[in-house]
């Protein structure tokens, strides 16, 4: 009986360490937390208060996303 074995290394596959996975999860959670906090705080403002800031209610999610990205980039 003949047996053939072929071992091929995965070339170009990223070597992801457990530490980098935890770091990515931490960053993602931080971004989500800042996003939710910003949405909550801006949503609590009245339309008049938002207008005084030059904002509209439809801008809240986009602004929260930008705030979260900027916070993580620091």
C-alpha atoms as a PDB file:
ATOM      1  CA  UNK A   1       0.000   0.000   0.000  1.00  0.00           C
ATOM      2  CA  UNK A   2       1.347   3.421  -0.970  1.00  0.00           C
ATOM      3  CA  UNK A   3       0.704   6.527   1.080  1.00  0.00           C
ATOM      4  CA  UNK A   4       1.399  10.018  -0.174  1.00  0.00           C
ATOM      5  CA  UNK A   5       1.608  12.982   2.157  1.00  0.00           C
ATOM      6  CA  UNK A   6       1.844  16.568   1.056  1.00  0.00           C
ATOM      7  CA  UNK A   7       2.623  19.296   3.556  1.00  0.00           C
ATOM      8  CA  UNK A   8       2.230  22.838   2.335  1.00  0.00           C
ATOM      9  CA  UNK A   9       2.818  25.864   4.460  1.00  0.00           C
ATOM     10  CA  UNK A  10       0.318  28.666   4.251  1.00  0.00           C
ATOM     11  CA  UNK A  11       2.337  31.380   2.601  1.00  0.00           C
ATOM     12  CA  UNK A  12       1.089  34.893   3.036  1.00  0.00           C
ATOM     13  CA  UNK A  13      -1.204  33.907   5.901  1.00  0.00           C
ATOM     14  CA  UNK A  14      -0.926  36.470   8.685  1.00  0.00           C
ATOM     15  CA  UNK A  15       0.540  35.254  11.922  1.00  0.00           C
ATOM     16  CA  UNK A  16      -1.985  36.521  14.419  1.00  0.00           C
ATOM     17  CA  UNK A  17      -0.979  36.286  18.031  1.00  0.00           C
ATOM     18  CA  UNK A  18      -3.394  36.053  20.892  1.00  0.00           C
ATOM     19  CA  UNK A  19      -2.161  39.410  22.178  1.00  0.00           C
ATOM     20  CA  UNK A  20      -2.972  41.136  18.893  1.00  0.00           C
ATOM     21  CA  UNK A  21      -6.461  39.605  18.932  1.00  0.00           C
ATOM     22  CA  UNK A  22      -7.047  40.965  22.434  1.00  0.00           C
ATOM     23  CA  UNK A  23      -5.703  44.366  21.410  1.00  0.00           C
ATOM     24  CA  UNK A  24      -8.047  44.459  18.413  1.00  0.00           C
ATOM     25  CA  UNK A  25     -11.003  43.486  20.608  1.00  0.00           C
ATOM     26  CA  UNK A  26     -10.069  46.168  23.148  1.00  0.00           C
ATOM     27  CA  UNK A  27      -9.838  48.813  20.419  1.00  0.00           C
ATOM     28  CA  UNK A  28     -13.155  47.758  18.925  1.00  0.00           C
ATOM     29  CA  UNK A  29     -14.868  47.837  22.335  1.00  0.00           C
ATOM     30  CA  UNK A  30     -13.416  51.273  23.101  1.00  0.00           C
ATOM     31  CA  UNK A  31     -14.646  52.575  19.751  1.00  0.00           C
ATOM     32  CA  UNK A  32     -18.131  51.134  20.409  1.00  0.00           C
ATOM     33  CA  UNK A  33     -18.245  52.607  23.932  1.00  0.00           C
ATOM     34  CA  UNK A  34     -17.314  56.102  22.718  1.00  0.00           C
ATOM     35  CA  UNK A  35     -19.832  55.800  19.862  1.00  0.00           C
ATOM     36  CA  UNK A  36     -22.682  54.807  22.216  1.00  0.00           C
ATOM     37  CA  UNK A  37     -21.819  57.502  24.753  1.00  0.00           C
ATOM     38  CA  UNK A  38     -21.739  60.199  22.059  1.00  0.00           C
ATOM     39  CA  UNK A  39     -25.041  59.045  20.544  1.00  0.00           C
ATOM     40  CA  UNK A  40     -26.634  59.010  23.993  1.00  0.00           C
ATOM     41  CA  UNK A  41     -25.404  62.475  24.948  1.00  0.00           C
ATOM     42  CA  UNK A  42     -26.371  64.096  21.645  1.00  0.00           C
ATOM     43  CA  UNK A  43     -29.747  62.339  21.582  1.00  0.00           C
ATOM     44  CA  UNK A  44     -30.543  63.808  24.990  1.00  0.00           C
ATOM     45  CA  UNK A  45     -30.282  67.327  23.554  1.00  0.00           C
ATOM     46  CA  UNK A  46     -33.396  69.047  22.255  1.00  0.00           C
ATOM     47  CA  UNK A  47     -33.717  70.044  18.608  1.00  0.00           C
ATOM     48  CA  UNK A  48     -33.158  73.638  19.672  1.00  0.00           C
ATOM     49  CA  UNK A  49     -29.950  72.799  21.529  1.00  0.00           C
ATOM     50  CA  UNK A  50     -28.703  70.817  18.538  1.00  0.00           C
ATOM     51  CA  UNK A  51     -29.534  73.737  16.237  1.00  0.00           C
ATOM     52  CA  UNK A  52     -27.586  76.081  18.529  1.00  0.00           C
ATOM     53  CA  UNK A  53     -24.572  73.818  17.955  1.00  0.00           C
ATOM     54  CA  UNK A  54     -25.179  73.876  14.210  1.00  0.00           C
ATOM     55  CA  UNK A  55     -26.293  70.245  14.215  1.00  0.00           C
ATOM     56  CA  UNK A  56     -29.353  68.328  13.090  1.00  0.00           C
ATOM     57  CA  UNK A  57     -30.669  65.160  14.678  1.00  0.00           C
ATOM     58  CA  UNK A  58     -29.918  63.228  11.477  1.00  0.00           C
ATOM     59  CA  UNK A  59     -26.194  63.972  11.966  1.00  0.00           C
ATOM     60  CA  UNK A  60     -25.874  62.276  15.363  1.00  0.00           C
ATOM     61  CA  UNK A  61     -24.765  58.805  14.241  1.00  0.00           C
ATOM     62  CA  UNK A  62     -22.219  60.146  11.759  1.00  0.00           C
ATOM     63  CA  UNK A  63     -20.776  62.527  14.351  1.00  0.00           C
ATOM     64  CA  UNK A  64     -20.613  59.727  16.915  1.00  0.00           C
ATOM     65  CA  UNK A  65     -18.767  57.511  14.452  1.00  0.00           C
ATOM     66  CA  UNK A  66     -16.260  60.283  13.741  1.00  0.00           C
ATOM     67  CA  UNK A  67     -15.777  60.899  17.466  1.00  0.00           C
ATOM     68  CA  UNK A  68     -15.133  57.197  18.068  1.00  0.00           C
ATOM     69  CA  UNK A  69     -12.601  56.992  15.232  1.00  0.00           C
ATOM     70  CA  UNK A  70     -10.782  60.102  16.456  1.00  0.00           C
ATOM     71  CA  UNK A  71     -10.707  58.774  20.018  1.00  0.00           C
ATOM     72  CA  UNK A  72      -9.135  55.486  18.923  1.00  0.00           C
ATOM     73  CA  UNK A  73      -6.642  57.261  16.633  1.00  0.00           C
ATOM     74  CA  UNK A  74      -5.189  59.211  19.580  1.00  0.00           C
END
